[in-house]
Amino acid sequence: MTTKAKLLAVSIDCPEPRKLAEFYHGITGWEITYAEDEYAAVSDGTTNIYFGRVPGREPAAWPSDHKQFHLDLQVPDVEKAAAEYVALGATRPDFQPGVTEEGTRWIVLQDPAGHAFCVCRETS
C-alpha cells in the first residue's frame, strides 16, 4: 500500500516573497506566518502557501501553454471580489473564459508577480 500524503503547502516562486505574502493575506485573510526578503508564507492553520525568492522569474502570459499552475479561490460575489483584488494589486487580463452571456462562473486574475488565479463562484 502506498503511503498517503497530506498537502502541507503550495510553494510559489516569485521575485518579492514578502510582497506576495501580503497580497495573499489581503485576499484570503490567512495569517502571514513568515516574512523575509527570501521567503514568506501565509496559512489558515492547516494549509500554507509559501513564497520563495527567484529574482529572474518571468510570469507566463495569459492565456498561454506555459502557465504551470493556478489557484482557484471561492467567493460569494465573483465580480465584487475581483474588483477588490485588483485594488490590492491583481490585474485582470482581457481573456476571460469563465465570463459568458449566461453569466460569470469565474474570473481569471493575475497576482502582483503575474501568477494566474481564478476567483470562482461559491457552490452550494
Protein backbone atom coordinates (compact mmCIF):
# COMPACT_ATOMS: atom_id res chain seq x y z
CA MET A 1 0.00 0.00 0.00
CA THR A 2 1.27 3.45 -0.91
CA THR A 3 1.83 5.89 1.97
CA LYS A 4 -0.85 8.59 1.78
CA ALA A 5 0.39 12.17 1.98
CA LYS A 6 -1.31 15.31 3.29
CA LEU A 7 -0.83 18.57 1.45
CA LEU A 8 1.32 20.83 3.62
CA ALA A 9 1.77 23.75 1.25
CA VAL A 10 1.88 25.06 -2.25
CA SER A 11 5.18 26.86 -2.95
CA ILE A 12 5.23 29.74 -5.40
CA ASP A 13 8.38 31.20 -6.97
CA CYS A 14 8.38 34.98 -7.17
CA PRO A 15 10.74 37.98 -7.12
CA GLU A 16 9.31 39.51 -3.89
CA PRO A 17 8.05 36.92 -1.36
CA ARG A 18 7.08 39.41 1.34
CA LYS A 19 5.00 41.44 -1.13
CA LEU A 20 3.21 38.35 -2.42
CA ALA A 21 2.50 37.12 1.12
CA GLU A 22 0.92 40.49 1.91
CA PHE A 23 -1.21 40.26 -1.25
CA TYR A 24 -2.48 36.74 -0.47
CA HIS A 25 -3.05 37.70 3.17
CA GLY A 26 -5.22 40.52 1.85
CA ILE A 27 -7.36 38.29 -0.35
CA THR A 28 -7.60 35.19 1.89
CA GLY A 29 -7.35 36.65 5.38
CA TRP A 30 -4.77 33.95 6.14
CA GLU A 31 -2.10 34.85 8.69
CA ILE A 32 1.35 35.83 7.47
CA THR A 33 3.37 33.23 9.36
CA TYR A 34 6.79 34.18 7.98
CA ALA A 35 8.00 37.20 6.05
CA GLU A 36 11.57 37.77 4.93
CA ASP A 37 13.05 39.04 1.67
CA GLU A 38 13.97 35.49 0.57
CA TYR A 39 10.97 33.59 1.85
CA ALA A 40 7.45 34.22 3.17
CA ALA A 41 4.32 32.25 4.00
CA VAL A 42 0.59 32.57 4.70
CA SER A 43 -1.52 29.94 6.44
CA ASP A 44 -5.05 29.20 7.59
CA GLY A 45 -3.61 26.98 10.31
CA THR A 46 -3.82 23.83 8.19
CA THR A 47 -2.76 24.67 4.66
CA ASN A 48 0.05 27.02 3.68
CA ILE A 49 1.15 28.99 0.67
CA TYR A 50 4.90 29.52 0.62
CA PHE A 51 6.67 32.16 -1.46
CA GLY A 52 10.31 31.73 -2.41
CA ARG A 53 12.50 34.40 -3.99
CA VAL A 54 13.53 33.68 -7.58
CA PRO A 55 14.79 37.05 -8.88
CA GLY A 56 14.73 36.25 -12.60
CA ARG A 57 11.33 34.53 -12.69
CA GLU A 58 9.27 35.68 -15.65
CA PRO A 59 5.49 35.36 -15.45
CA ALA A 60 3.72 33.31 -18.10
CA ALA A 61 1.40 35.22 -20.40
CA TRP A 62 -2.34 34.57 -20.13
CA PRO A 63 -3.63 32.69 -21.98
CA SER A 64 -0.59 30.52 -22.55
CA ASP A 65 0.55 26.91 -22.65
CA HIS A 66 3.40 27.98 -20.34
CA LYS A 67 1.19 28.53 -17.28
CA GLN A 68 2.33 25.91 -14.77
CA PHE A 69 -0.43 26.11 -12.15
CA HIS A 70 -3.12 28.35 -10.78
CA LEU A 71 -5.08 28.65 -7.56
CA ASP A 72 -8.90 28.53 -7.53
CA LEU A 73 -10.47 30.62 -4.78
CA GLN A 74 -14.21 30.59 -3.98
CA VAL A 75 -16.12 33.75 -3.10
CA PRO A 76 -19.81 34.65 -2.73
CA ASP A 77 -19.68 37.50 -5.29
CA VAL A 78 -17.15 36.99 -8.10
CA GLU A 79 -17.29 40.47 -9.66
CA LYS A 80 -17.08 42.26 -6.30
CA ALA A 81 -14.16 40.13 -5.12
CA ALA A 82 -12.31 40.54 -8.43
CA ALA A 83 -12.64 44.33 -8.19
CA GLU A 84 -11.34 44.27 -4.60
CA TYR A 85 -8.39 42.06 -5.57
CA VAL A 86 -7.50 44.37 -8.45
CA ALA A 87 -7.49 47.25 -5.93
CA LEU A 88 -4.98 45.18 -3.86
CA GLY A 89 -2.63 44.78 -6.83
CA ALA A 90 -4.00 41.99 -9.06
CA THR A 91 -4.54 42.54 -12.77
CA ARG A 92 -7.48 41.34 -14.86
CA PRO A 93 -6.45 40.01 -18.28
CA ASP A 94 -8.73 40.56 -21.27
CA PHE A 95 -9.24 36.83 -21.98
CA GLN A 96 -11.93 35.55 -19.58
CA PRO A 97 -13.21 32.06 -20.46
CA GLY A 98 -15.47 31.95 -17.37
CA VAL A 99 -17.41 35.07 -18.32
CA THR A 100 -20.17 34.23 -20.80
CA GLU A 101 -23.54 35.59 -21.89
CA GLU A 102 -25.13 33.27 -19.33
CA GLY A 103 -23.17 34.91 -16.50
CA THR A 104 -19.86 34.88 -14.68
CA ARG A 105 -18.72 31.50 -13.39
CA TRP A 106 -15.14 32.56 -12.66
CA ILE A 107 -12.73 35.40 -13.38
CA VAL A 108 -9.05 34.93 -14.13
CA LEU A 109 -6.77 37.41 -12.37
CA GLN A 110 -3.01 37.65 -12.07
CA ASP A 111 -1.31 38.37 -8.76
CA PRO A 112 1.36 41.11 -8.50
CA ALA A 113 4.05 38.61 -9.65
CA GLY A 114 1.98 37.55 -12.68
CA HIS A 115 0.67 34.17 -11.44
CA ALA A 116 -2.83 33.40 -12.68
CA PHE A 117 -5.53 32.60 -10.16
CA CYS A 118 -9.27 32.13 -10.57
CA VAL A 119 -11.95 33.80 -8.50
CA CYS A 120 -14.78 31.26 -8.57
CA ARG A 121 -18.42 31.45 -7.62
CA GLU A 122 -19.25 29.57 -4.43
CA THR A 123 -21.34 26.49 -4.97
CA SER A 124 -23.97 25.33 -2.54
